Amino acid sequence: MSIPKEPRQLMINLMYLVLTALLALNVSAEVMNAFFSLDRGLKGSRNIVEKSNETIMENINKQADAYRKPENEKYRENAKQALALAEEFTAYIDGVRQKLFDKAGGPSKSDPTIPKDIRNKDITTRMFVLGEAGAKEGIGFEIERKIKDLRNKLLELADNDPEVAASMPLDVEPLPAKTDKTSWADFKFRQMPVAACFPILGKIQSDAKASSSAVLNYCLKKVAGEDIKFDAFQPAISAPKGYVIAGEKYEADIFLSAYSTNADNISISVDGRPLPIKDGVAKYEVMTSSTGVKSYKVTINVKNPLTGEVKTYSKDFQYEVGRRSASIQLDKMNVFYIGVDNPISISAAGVSSNELNVSASGAGISLNKDGPSHYQVRVTTPGEATITLSGGGLPPTKFTYKVKRIPDPVPLLGAQRFDSAIPNGTFKAQGGVAAVLENFDFDAKCEVAGYTVAYQKKRADVVEKTNSGARFNPDVQDLIRRAEPGDVYYFLDIRAKCPGDVAARKLGDLVFKIR
């Protein structure tokens, strides 16, 4: 493309190139973020596999404990080793991830889980392929060796079973036919941005966990055999809560703890009423109305799939239906202020107001009941105050609140604040300084204790007068009446005393220029 000679066309072309570059940067940012989203998804998958492995290991232990023989002990130990090897390898990759995270600048300001330099390709090439200063090779070659070593050890624990080998995703895949790369590390990591390396490492960790899962399934099959075995049963219940509020629904999952999803050989009933079963679990639901302890009986019939023998297991369960517990509601805000009445409302459903005991401690707190379930709270000291409710069957229930001074008021001269120019007539019409509590919900008033007025006339010495209280005294009034355009008045060391204050607090100064 030839360069245009016309300046206007040249400028248009340059703007187009800049726009194209900006669009490319936006796409790049989206791609970078997608890598970390993928990495988080892989981590979630690993957590699921880990929980599954824990369940398989528990089943292996149960079978090995129930049928103690040398072969079962061998495969129990093989399963433990598989988990330990995968955990050790995962921890090693975590160390590599942390090292890469640190080399990429550590946590970013926008998202501390993402490093700062996510687009850098030189960091990954040196770290994984070329090697750091003094190293013969990058860490990618060590990862390759550890992958091969872990795969071989896991296969040995599974007796080098071909089916296990085919189901194990952890492996060093061969290089593509059409590539100029000379090694697996070079192919995986050279010129890869930092963001892309995290999901690569995450996938390696996930493959390790999944490969150990393949070994555990193999060991479980060897320990349990081809037949389903039941030798001990215990009815179990899983309820969201054992104490519910009247009018709510009580729910519970009832299941046989040793149930196998490969067999449909149980029936469950509650108080003689059969319940539908899905994946070994029956859901029991009943509406609640009256309060008190409720009981029900669970009966589970289990048929042995090998002998046809039916055994019955029964157990009684209980849940309690109650009412709402006590609560305190502050009518204004979630803090008590010194020097004013703090209104609160107290309720304890199911407890008579005659039986409800209300006590308070801390911060010089006192309570004054001024109506049904309504109190005025007074406090004297900053800190924390505690209100305790008890009685009528309600256990002692504590509620803790912060105690603060009333916030500083704002000094005003009429409607004027801070530094401002004021008309001469308006200025002379004022009668004193006020201290106003702005945006404060309580009925409180702060009184001005005093201040100093300094009068600065053009090309004249400053005249100062001290004033006690809010309104101008005669000396200060005399200064105010002298005001002329260009004069400056300073209201210094303004002090005010608010409810609950032991001494007056300083509010600052006001400056006005007469116009």
Protein backbone atom coordinates (compact mmCIF):
# COMPACT_ATOMS: atom_id res chain seq x y z
CA MET A 1 0.00 0.00 0.00
CA SER A 2 1.47 3.35 -1.04
CA ILE A 3 1.66 6.20 1.47
CA PRO A 4 -0.85 8.94 0.54
CA LYS A 5 0.56 12.37 -0.09
CA GLU A 6 -2.54 14.24 1.01
CA PRO A 7 -2.25 15.05 4.75
CA ARG A 8 -5.95 14.42 5.40
CA GLN A 9 -5.84 10.92 3.90
CA LEU A 10 -2.61 10.18 5.73
CA MET A 11 -4.27 11.12 9.03
CA ILE A 12 -7.29 8.91 8.27
CA ASN A 13 -5.01 5.94 7.57
CA LEU A 14 -3.10 6.47 10.80
CA MET A 15 -6.34 6.66 12.80
CA TYR A 16 -7.49 3.39 11.20
CA LEU A 17 -4.26 1.67 12.23
CA VAL A 18 -4.61 2.94 15.77
CA LEU A 19 -8.23 1.71 15.94
CA THR A 20 -7.21 -1.70 14.63
CA ALA A 21 -4.52 -1.93 17.29
CA LEU A 22 -6.98 -0.99 20.04
CA LEU A 23 -9.45 -3.65 18.88
CA ALA A 24 -6.66 -6.21 18.91
CA LEU A 25 -5.78 -5.24 22.48
CA ASN A 26 -9.42 -5.68 23.57
CA VAL A 27 -9.62 -9.14 22.00
CA SER A 28 -6.32 -10.01 23.65
CA ALA A 29 -7.65 -8.99 27.07
CA GLU A 30 -10.75 -11.14 26.59
CA VAL A 31 -8.61 -14.12 25.57
CA MET A 32 -6.32 -13.62 28.57
CA ASN A 33 -9.33 -13.58 30.93
CA ALA A 34 -10.69 -16.71 29.25
CA PHE A 35 -7.49 -18.60 30.14
CA PHE A 36 -8.00 -17.88 33.84
CA SER A 37 -11.69 -18.80 33.61
CA LEU A 38 -10.62 -22.13 32.10
CA ASP A 39 -8.06 -22.61 34.88
CA ARG A 40 -10.71 -22.00 37.56
CA GLY A 41 -12.99 -24.50 35.84
CA LEU A 42 -10.24 -27.13 35.88
CA LYS A 43 -9.74 -26.52 39.60
CA GLY A 44 -13.43 -27.12 40.20
CA SER A 45 -13.22 -30.40 38.26
CA ARG A 46 -10.25 -31.48 40.37
CA ASN A 47 -12.24 -30.88 43.54
CA ILE A 48 -15.02 -33.14 42.24
CA VAL A 49 -12.51 -35.88 41.39
CA GLU A 50 -10.92 -35.56 44.84
CA LYS A 51 -14.29 -36.03 46.56
CA SER A 52 -15.00 -39.02 44.35
CA ASN A 53 -11.60 -40.51 45.23
CA GLU A 54 -12.33 -40.04 48.93
CA THR A 55 -15.59 -41.97 48.53
CA ILE A 56 -13.85 -44.78 46.62
CA MET A 57 -11.14 -44.99 49.29
CA GLU A 58 -13.77 -45.22 52.01
CA ASN A 59 -15.41 -48.13 50.16
CA ILE A 60 -12.04 -49.85 49.75
CA ASN A 61 -11.41 -49.54 53.49
CA LYS A 62 -14.87 -50.91 54.32
CA GLN A 63 -14.42 -53.94 52.06
CA ALA A 64 -10.87 -54.58 53.27
CA ASP A 65 -11.97 -54.32 56.90
CA ALA A 66 -14.95 -56.61 56.35
CA TYR A 67 -13.03 -59.25 54.38
CA ARG A 68 -9.53 -59.35 55.82
CA LYS A 69 -7.13 -61.26 53.56
CA PRO A 70 -3.64 -60.52 52.20
CA GLU A 71 -4.87 -59.65 48.70
CA ASN A 72 -7.29 -57.03 50.02
CA GLU A 73 -4.59 -55.46 52.21
CA LYS A 74 -2.29 -55.28 49.16
CA TYR A 75 -4.79 -53.35 47.07
CA ARG A 76 -5.74 -51.14 50.02
CA GLU A 77 -2.09 -50.09 50.30
CA ASN A 78 -1.85 -49.67 46.51
CA ALA A 79 -4.85 -47.30 46.61
CA LYS A 80 -3.28 -45.27 49.44
CA GLN A 81 -0.01 -45.00 47.49
CA ALA A 82 -1.87 -43.86 44.37
CA LEU A 83 -3.53 -41.03 46.30
CA ALA A 84 -0.24 -40.05 47.95
CA LEU A 85 1.66 -40.02 44.62
CA ALA A 86 -1.01 -37.88 42.94
CA GLU A 87 -1.09 -35.50 45.91
CA GLU A 88 2.70 -35.14 45.89
CA PHE A 89 2.73 -34.46 42.14
CA THR A 90 -0.11 -31.92 42.43
CA ALA A 91 1.74 -30.10 45.21
CA TYR A 92 4.85 -29.98 42.99
CA ILE A 93 2.85 -28.39 40.15
CA ASP A 94 1.36 -25.94 42.67
CA GLY A 95 4.91 -24.87 43.44
CA VAL A 96 5.59 -24.33 39.74
CA ARG A 97 2.38 -22.28 39.43
CA GLN A 98 3.40 -20.11 42.39
CA LYS A 99 6.86 -19.56 40.93
CA LEU A 100 5.34 -18.51 37.60
CA PHE A 101 2.86 -16.25 39.42
CA ASP A 102 5.71 -14.50 41.27
CA LYS A 103 7.85 -14.11 38.15
CA ALA A 104 4.88 -12.52 36.39
CA GLY A 105 4.82 -9.66 38.90
CA GLY A 106 2.66 -11.10 41.67
CA PRO A 107 -1.03 -10.23 42.23
CA SER A 108 -2.58 -7.56 40.03
CA LYS A 109 -4.48 -4.62 41.51
CA SER A 110 -7.75 -5.43 39.73
CA ASP A 111 -7.76 -9.14 40.64
CA PRO A 112 -5.23 -10.54 43.19
CA THR A 113 -5.77 -14.08 41.85
CA ILE A 114 -4.29 -13.05 38.49
CA PRO A 115 -0.64 -11.95 38.07
CA LYS A 116 0.26 -8.56 36.64
CA ASP A 117 2.20 -9.58 33.50
CA ILE A 118 -0.21 -12.09 31.93
CA ARG A 119 0.86 -11.51 28.31
CA ASN A 120 4.61 -11.97 28.77
CA LYS A 121 6.03 -14.81 26.65
CA ASP A 122 9.71 -14.40 27.52
CA ILE A 123 9.14 -15.37 31.16
CA THR A 124 7.55 -18.70 30.23
CA THR A 125 10.14 -19.50 27.55
CA ARG A 126 13.04 -18.95 29.94
CA MET A 127 11.39 -20.69 32.89
CA PHE A 128 10.08 -23.81 31.11
CA VAL A 129 12.32 -24.24 28.04
CA LEU A 130 15.63 -22.36 28.06
CA GLY A 131 16.22 -22.41 31.82
CA GLU A 132 17.02 -19.68 34.29
CA ALA A 133 20.51 -18.28 34.84
CA GLY A 134 22.89 -21.15 35.67
CA ALA A 135 20.39 -23.90 34.74
CA LYS A 136 21.05 -26.33 31.89
CA GLU A 137 17.41 -26.61 30.93
CA GLY A 138 13.97 -25.24 31.74
CA ILE A 139 11.64 -26.69 34.35
CA GLY A 140 9.42 -28.04 31.58
CA PHE A 141 11.83 -30.95 31.06
CA GLU A 142 11.59 -31.84 34.76
CA ILE A 143 7.79 -31.78 34.53
CA GLU A 144 7.98 -34.16 31.56
CA ARG A 145 10.13 -36.61 33.53
CA LYS A 146 7.83 -36.44 36.57
CA ILE A 147 4.77 -37.11 34.38
CA LYS A 148 6.37 -40.24 32.90
CA ASP A 149 7.56 -41.41 36.32
CA LEU A 150 4.13 -40.90 37.94
CA ARG A 151 2.34 -42.71 35.12
CA ASN A 152 4.67 -45.71 35.41
CA LYS A 153 4.28 -45.90 39.19
CA LEU A 154 0.48 -45.67 38.99
CA LEU A 155 0.38 -48.43 36.37
CA GLU A 156 2.52 -50.66 38.58
CA LEU A 157 -0.02 -50.20 41.40
CA ALA A 158 -2.75 -51.37 38.97
CA ASP A 159 -0.74 -54.44 37.88
CA ASN A 160 -0.04 -52.73 34.50
CA ASP A 161 -3.62 -53.50 33.51
CA PRO A 162 -4.20 -52.46 29.84
CA GLU A 163 -7.69 -51.09 30.57
CA VAL A 164 -6.32 -48.89 33.34
CA ALA A 165 -3.50 -47.71 31.06
CA ALA A 166 -6.05 -46.73 28.39
CA SER A 167 -8.17 -44.80 30.91
CA MET A 168 -5.29 -42.81 32.43
CA PRO A 169 -5.16 -39.31 30.85
CA LEU A 170 -1.77 -38.40 32.39
CA ASP A 171 0.84 -38.92 29.66
CA VAL A 172 3.43 -37.10 27.57
CA GLU A 173 1.75 -36.95 24.19
CA PRO A 174 3.97 -37.36 21.09
CA LEU A 175 4.84 -34.26 19.07
CA PRO A 176 2.73 -33.57 15.99
CA ALA A 177 4.20 -34.71 12.69
CA LYS A 178 4.31 -31.19 11.22
CA THR A 179 6.13 -29.19 13.86
CA ASP A 180 9.55 -27.67 14.21
CA LYS A 181 9.64 -28.30 17.97
CA THR A 182 12.26 -30.69 19.25
CA SER A 183 10.88 -31.49 22.68
CA TRP A 184 7.63 -31.74 24.63
CA ALA A 185 8.58 -28.78 26.85
CA ASP A 186 9.39 -26.66 23.79
CA PHE A 187 6.07 -27.60 22.18
CA LYS A 188 4.04 -26.91 25.33
CA PHE A 189 5.59 -23.73 26.68
CA ARG A 190 7.78 -21.84 24.21
CA GLN A 191 6.38 -18.37 23.48
CA MET A 192 3.23 -19.14 25.47
CA PRO A 193 1.80 -16.12 27.33
CA VAL A 194 1.79 -16.41 31.11
CA ALA A 195 -2.02 -16.60 31.16
CA ALA A 196 -2.03 -19.67 28.87
CA CYS A 197 0.41 -21.62 31.04
CA PHE A 198 -1.88 -21.70 34.09
CA PRO A 199 -4.64 -23.84 32.44
CA ILE A 200 -1.89 -26.04 30.90
CA LEU A 201 -0.52 -26.73 34.38
CA GLY A 202 -4.05 -27.08 35.74
CA LYS A 203 -4.87 -29.75 33.15
CA ILE A 204 -1.73 -31.68 34.10
CA GLN A 205 -2.89 -31.64 37.73
CA SER A 206 -6.40 -32.74 36.72
CA ASP A 207 -4.94 -35.59 34.62
CA ALA A 208 -2.92 -36.74 37.65
CA LYS A 209 -6.02 -36.80 39.86
CA ALA A 210 -8.07 -38.61 37.21
CA SER A 211 -5.28 -41.16 36.68
CA SER A 212 -5.15 -41.92 40.41
CA SER A 213 -8.95 -42.35 40.26
CA ALA A 214 -8.50 -45.03 37.58
CA VAL A 215 -6.11 -46.90 39.90
CA LEU A 216 -8.53 -46.58 42.84
CA ASN A 217 -11.41 -48.00 40.80
CA TYR A 218 -9.18 -50.93 39.82
CA CYS A 219 -8.25 -51.56 43.48
CA LEU A 220 -11.91 -51.33 44.56
CA LYS A 221 -12.86 -53.90 41.96
CA LYS A 222 -10.14 -56.25 43.25
CA VAL A 223 -11.17 -55.78 46.90
CA ALA A 224 -14.94 -55.98 46.39
CA GLY A 225 -14.97 -58.61 43.70
CA GLU A 226 -17.60 -58.87 41.00
CA ASP A 227 -20.54 -59.42 43.38
CA ILE A 228 -22.31 -56.87 45.55
CA LYS A 229 -21.75 -57.58 49.26
CA PHE A 230 -23.90 -56.41 52.15
CA ASP A 231 -23.12 -57.46 55.71
CA ALA A 232 -24.05 -54.48 57.94
CA PHE A 233 -26.74 -51.84 57.62
CA GLN A 234 -27.76 -48.70 59.50
CA PRO A 235 -30.68 -46.46 58.64
CA ALA A 236 -29.50 -42.84 58.27
CA ILE A 237 -31.26 -39.52 57.97
CA SER A 238 -30.12 -36.21 56.52
CA ALA A 239 -32.40 -33.28 57.34
CA PRO A 240 -31.76 -29.60 56.52
CA LYS A 241 -32.62 -28.83 60.16
CA GLY A 242 -34.04 -30.61 63.18
CA TYR A 243 -35.80 -27.52 64.49
CA VAL A 244 -38.28 -25.74 62.25
CA ILE A 245 -40.73 -22.87 62.59
CA ALA A 246 -44.45 -23.55 62.73
CA GLY A 247 -45.91 -23.21 59.24
CA GLU A 248 -42.72 -24.33 57.52
CA LYS A 249 -42.14 -27.68 55.80
CA TYR A 250 -39.97 -30.31 57.47
CA GLU A 251 -37.81 -32.25 55.01
CA ALA A 252 -35.44 -35.19 55.50
CA ASP A 253 -33.44 -37.53 53.24
CA ILE A 254 -33.59 -41.13 54.50
CA PHE A 255 -31.10 -43.60 53.12
CA LEU A 256 -29.28 -46.85 53.80
CA SER A 257 -25.67 -46.01 54.56
CA ALA A 258 -24.23 -49.11 52.82
CA TYR A 259 -26.47 -48.91 49.78
CA SER A 260 -25.00 -49.66 46.31
CA THR A 261 -26.36 -47.87 43.26
CA ASN A 262 -25.83 -51.06 41.25
CA ALA A 263 -28.59 -52.89 43.08
CA ASP A 264 -32.33 -52.19 43.43
CA ASN A 265 -32.96 -54.23 46.55
CA ILE A 266 -34.39 -51.97 49.28
CA SER A 267 -37.75 -50.51 50.30
CA ILE A 268 -38.28 -47.63 52.74
CA SER A 269 -41.39 -46.63 54.67
CA VAL A 270 -42.21 -44.06 57.38
CA ASP A 271 -44.90 -44.97 59.93
CA GLY A 272 -46.02 -47.70 57.52
CA ARG A 273 -46.30 -45.39 54.48
CA PRO A 274 -43.98 -46.45 51.61
CA LEU A 275 -41.80 -43.76 50.03
CA PRO A 276 -40.47 -43.60 46.46
CA ILE A 277 -36.72 -44.26 46.20
CA LYS A 278 -34.24 -42.67 43.80
CA ASP A 279 -30.55 -43.63 43.85
CA GLY A 280 -31.01 -45.26 47.25
CA VAL A 281 -32.58 -42.15 48.83
CA ALA A 282 -36.19 -41.57 49.90
CA LYS A 283 -37.42 -38.05 50.65
CA TYR A 284 -39.78 -37.59 53.59
CA GLU A 285 -41.91 -34.43 53.73
CA VAL A 286 -44.59 -33.37 56.19
CA MET A 287 -46.21 -30.00 56.91
CA THR A 288 -45.82 -28.67 60.47
CA SER A 289 -48.40 -26.71 62.46
CA SER A 290 -48.33 -27.22 66.25
CA THR A 291 -45.12 -26.83 68.23
CA GLY A 292 -43.29 -29.53 70.19
CA VAL A 293 -41.25 -32.69 69.59
CA LYS A 294 -42.43 -34.88 66.69
CA SER A 295 -41.47 -38.54 66.18
CA TYR A 296 -41.59 -40.94 63.25
CA LYS A 297 -40.41 -44.49 62.62
CA VAL A 298 -38.31 -45.48 59.61
CA THR A 299 -38.41 -49.06 58.35
CA ILE A 300 -36.00 -50.34 55.67
CA ASN A 301 -36.24 -53.77 54.07
CA VAL A 302 -33.04 -55.08 52.42
CA LYS A 303 -32.89 -58.03 50.09
CA ASN A 304 -29.57 -59.83 49.70
CA PRO A 305 -29.05 -60.11 45.92
CA LEU A 306 -27.00 -63.30 46.37
CA THR A 307 -29.21 -65.34 48.74
CA GLY A 308 -32.60 -63.65 48.37
CA GLU A 309 -32.81 -63.22 52.16
CA VAL A 310 -34.75 -60.12 53.32
CA LYS A 311 -33.73 -58.30 56.50
CA THR A 312 -35.64 -55.47 58.17
CA TYR A 313 -34.04 -52.51 59.95
CA SER A 314 -36.05 -49.96 61.94
CA LYS A 315 -35.20 -46.80 63.84
CA ASP A 316 -37.10 -43.94 65.48
CA PHE A 317 -36.27 -40.32 64.64
CA GLN A 318 -37.35 -36.99 66.14
CA TYR A 319 -37.52 -33.35 65.16
CA GLU A 320 -38.77 -30.30 67.04
CA VAL A 321 -41.17 -27.62 65.86
CA GLY A 322 -40.76 -24.24 67.56
CA ARG A 323 -41.46 -20.57 67.21
CA ARG A 324 -39.30 -17.63 66.23
CA SER A 325 -36.52 -16.64 68.63
CA ALA A 326 -36.04 -13.24 70.26
CA SER A 327 -34.83 -10.19 68.37
CA ILE A 328 -34.01 -6.53 68.97
CA GLN A 329 -34.62 -3.80 66.40
CA LEU A 330 -33.01 -0.41 66.70
CA ASP A 331 -35.52 2.16 65.51
CA LYS A 332 -32.92 4.58 64.13
CA MET A 333 -29.54 2.96 63.36
CA ASN A 334 -27.29 0.09 64.48
CA VAL A 335 -25.37 2.12 67.08
CA PHE A 336 -26.08 3.80 70.41
CA TYR A 337 -25.13 7.49 70.80
CA ILE A 338 -24.08 9.09 74.07
CA GLY A 339 -26.27 11.87 75.47
CA VAL A 340 -29.51 11.08 73.61
CA ASP A 341 -32.41 8.63 73.87
CA ASN A 342 -31.82 5.63 71.59
CA PRO A 343 -35.23 3.99 70.88
CA ILE A 344 -35.31 0.19 70.42
CA SER A 345 -38.05 -2.41 69.94
CA ILE A 346 -37.69 -5.85 71.58
CA SER A 347 -39.66 -8.94 70.58
CA ALA A 348 -39.60 -12.59 71.64
CA ALA A 349 -42.35 -14.54 69.91
CA GLY A 350 -43.67 -17.36 72.04
CA VAL A 351 -42.56 -15.64 75.29
CA SER A 352 -44.99 -13.58 77.34
CA SER A 353 -43.94 -9.96 77.82
CA ASN A 354 -44.48 -10.50 81.57
CA GLU A 355 -41.92 -13.33 81.56
CA LEU A 356 -39.33 -11.67 79.31
CA ASN A 357 -36.30 -10.38 81.23
CA VAL A 358 -34.30 -7.54 79.66
CA SER A 359 -30.92 -6.58 81.12
CA ALA A 360 -28.02 -4.47 79.86
CA SER A 361 -24.31 -3.97 80.62
CA GLY A 362 -21.31 -1.97 79.43
CA ALA A 363 -20.76 1.65 78.30
CA GLY A 364 -22.81 3.00 81.23
CA ILE A 365 -26.02 1.72 79.60
CA SER A 366 -29.47 2.11 81.14
CA LEU A 367 -32.91 1.06 79.87
CA ASN A 368 -36.21 2.88 80.28
CA LYS A 369 -39.37 1.08 79.12
CA ASP A 370 -41.79 3.56 77.58
CA GLY A 371 -44.30 1.22 75.94
CA PRO A 372 -45.11 -2.41 75.09
CA SER A 373 -41.88 -3.98 73.73
CA HIS A 374 -40.35 -0.49 73.42
CA TYR A 375 -37.43 0.99 75.34
CA GLN A 376 -35.24 4.10 75.42
CA VAL A 377 -31.53 3.37 75.80
CA ARG A 378 -29.10 5.85 77.39
CA VAL A 379 -25.30 5.36 77.32
CA THR A 380 -22.46 7.41 78.79
CA THR A 381 -19.14 5.86 77.66
CA PRO A 382 -17.78 5.02 74.18
CA GLY A 383 -17.20 1.31 73.55
CA GLU A 384 -19.66 -1.60 73.45
CA ALA A 385 -22.95 -2.25 75.22
CA THR A 386 -24.74 -5.60 75.57
CA ILE A 387 -28.47 -6.25 75.97
CA THR A 388 -29.48 -9.73 77.22
CA LEU A 389 -32.93 -11.31 76.80
CA SER A 390 -34.05 -14.34 78.84
CA GLY A 391 -37.04 -15.93 80.59
CA GLY A 392 -40.15 -17.75 79.51
CA GLY A 393 -38.10 -20.72 78.26
CA LEU A 394 -35.81 -18.49 76.20
CA PRO A 395 -32.11 -19.14 76.91
CA PRO A 396 -30.01 -16.03 77.61
CA THR A 397 -29.55 -14.29 74.25
CA LYS A 398 -27.03 -11.47 73.92
CA PHE A 399 -27.04 -8.55 71.46
CA THR A 400 -23.95 -6.32 71.28
CA TYR A 401 -23.88 -2.77 69.89
CA LYS A 402 -21.26 -0.06 69.38
CA VAL A 403 -21.47 3.09 71.50
CA LYS A 404 -20.23 6.38 69.99
CA ARG A 405 -20.17 10.10 70.70
CA ILE A 406 -22.54 12.32 68.78
CA PRO A 407 -20.71 13.35 65.58
CA ASP A 408 -19.16 16.81 65.35
CA PRO A 409 -21.62 19.55 64.39
CA VAL A 410 -20.93 22.05 61.59
CA PRO A 411 -20.26 25.71 62.59
CA LEU A 412 -22.47 28.19 60.72
CA LEU A 413 -22.91 31.96 60.60
CA GLY A 414 -26.54 32.12 59.57
CA ALA A 415 -26.60 29.90 56.50
CA GLN A 416 -22.94 30.59 55.69
CA ARG A 417 -20.17 28.06 56.23
CA PHE A 418 -16.45 27.76 55.61
CA ASP A 419 -14.60 30.52 53.69
CA SER A 420 -16.98 32.68 51.68
CA ALA A 421 -17.76 36.22 50.57
CA ILE A 422 -20.83 37.67 52.26
CA PRO A 423 -22.84 40.83 51.53
CA ASN A 424 -22.33 43.59 54.09
CA GLY A 425 -26.03 43.80 54.96
CA THR A 426 -26.35 40.04 55.41
CA PHE A 427 -23.27 39.93 57.62
CA LYS A 428 -24.46 42.72 59.93
CA ALA A 429 -27.87 41.04 60.29
CA GLN A 430 -26.37 37.94 61.97
CA GLY A 431 -26.69 37.52 65.72
CA GLY A 432 -24.16 34.83 66.45
CA VAL A 433 -22.56 31.48 65.52
CA ALA A 434 -24.49 28.18 65.53
CA ALA A 435 -23.39 24.52 65.68
CA VAL A 436 -25.67 22.35 63.53
CA LEU A 437 -25.86 18.52 63.49
CA GLU A 438 -26.39 17.67 59.83
CA ASN A 439 -27.85 14.30 58.72
CA PHE A 440 -28.27 13.15 62.31
CA ASP A 441 -31.49 11.23 63.00
CA PHE A 442 -31.73 11.93 66.72
CA ASP A 443 -33.34 14.88 68.48
CA ALA A 444 -30.16 16.50 69.79
CA LYS A 445 -28.79 20.04 69.88
CA CYS A 446 -25.20 21.22 70.35
CA GLU A 447 -24.56 24.54 72.10
CA VAL A 448 -21.74 26.87 71.08
CA ALA A 449 -19.45 27.45 74.09
CA GLY A 450 -17.42 30.32 72.65
CA TYR A 451 -15.05 31.62 69.99
CA THR A 452 -12.72 34.51 69.09
CA VAL A 453 -13.56 37.15 66.43
CA ALA A 454 -10.64 38.81 64.61
CA TYR A 455 -11.41 41.94 62.53
CA GLN A 456 -9.00 42.81 59.69
CA LYS A 457 -9.60 46.21 58.07
CA LYS A 458 -7.62 47.28 55.04
CA ARG A 459 -4.25 48.78 56.00
CA ALA A 460 -5.06 48.49 59.70
CA ASP A 461 -4.07 46.26 62.59
CA VAL A 462 -6.11 43.18 63.47
CA VAL A 463 -8.59 43.64 66.31
CA GLU A 464 -9.60 40.55 68.35
CA LYS A 465 -12.51 40.06 70.72
CA THR A 466 -13.46 36.96 72.71
CA ASN A 467 -17.08 35.80 72.78
CA SER A 468 -18.71 33.36 75.25
CA GLY A 469 -21.77 31.47 74.10
CA ALA A 470 -23.36 31.52 70.68
CA ARG A 471 -24.73 35.08 70.42
CA PHE A 472 -22.50 38.11 69.87
CA ASN A 473 -21.61 40.04 73.02
CA PRO A 474 -21.50 43.90 72.91
CA ASP A 475 -17.76 44.01 72.07
CA VAL A 476 -18.19 41.64 69.13
CA GLN A 477 -21.36 43.48 68.00
CA ASP A 478 -19.28 46.67 67.86
CA LEU A 479 -16.78 44.91 65.55
CA ILE A 480 -19.60 43.61 63.34
CA ARG A 481 -21.10 47.10 62.92
CA ARG A 482 -17.75 48.41 61.56
CA ALA A 483 -17.90 46.05 58.56
CA GLU A 484 -17.22 47.61 55.16
CA PRO A 485 -16.59 46.04 51.76
CA GLY A 486 -13.12 44.51 51.61
CA ASP A 487 -12.90 43.89 55.38
CA VAL A 488 -12.19 40.30 56.56
CA TYR A 489 -13.63 38.68 59.72
CA TYR A 490 -12.17 35.53 61.28
CA PHE A 491 -14.20 33.41 63.69
CA LEU A 492 -11.47 31.37 65.40
CA ASP A 493 -11.35 28.47 67.86
CA ILE A 494 -15.10 27.79 67.66
CA ARG A 495 -16.05 25.39 70.46
CA ALA A 496 -19.34 23.59 71.11
CA LYS A 497 -20.72 21.19 73.65
CA CYS A 498 -23.05 18.39 72.54
CA PRO A 499 -25.25 16.13 74.73
CA GLY A 500 -23.07 13.72 76.66
CA ASP A 501 -19.90 15.82 76.31
CA VAL A 502 -17.83 16.42 79.43
CA ALA A 503 -15.93 19.30 77.79
CA ALA A 504 -16.52 21.41 74.70
CA ARG A 505 -15.09 20.13 71.41
CA LYS A 506 -13.29 22.25 68.80
CA LEU A 507 -15.13 22.67 65.50
CA GLY A 508 -12.63 24.75 63.49
CA ASP A 509 -12.73 28.29 62.08
CA LEU A 510 -14.88 30.45 59.76
CA VAL A 511 -13.57 33.22 57.49
CA PHE A 512 -15.74 35.81 55.72
CA LYS A 513 -14.84 38.66 53.37
CA ILE A 514 -17.30 41.55 53.23
CA ARG A 515 -18.54 42.60 49.80
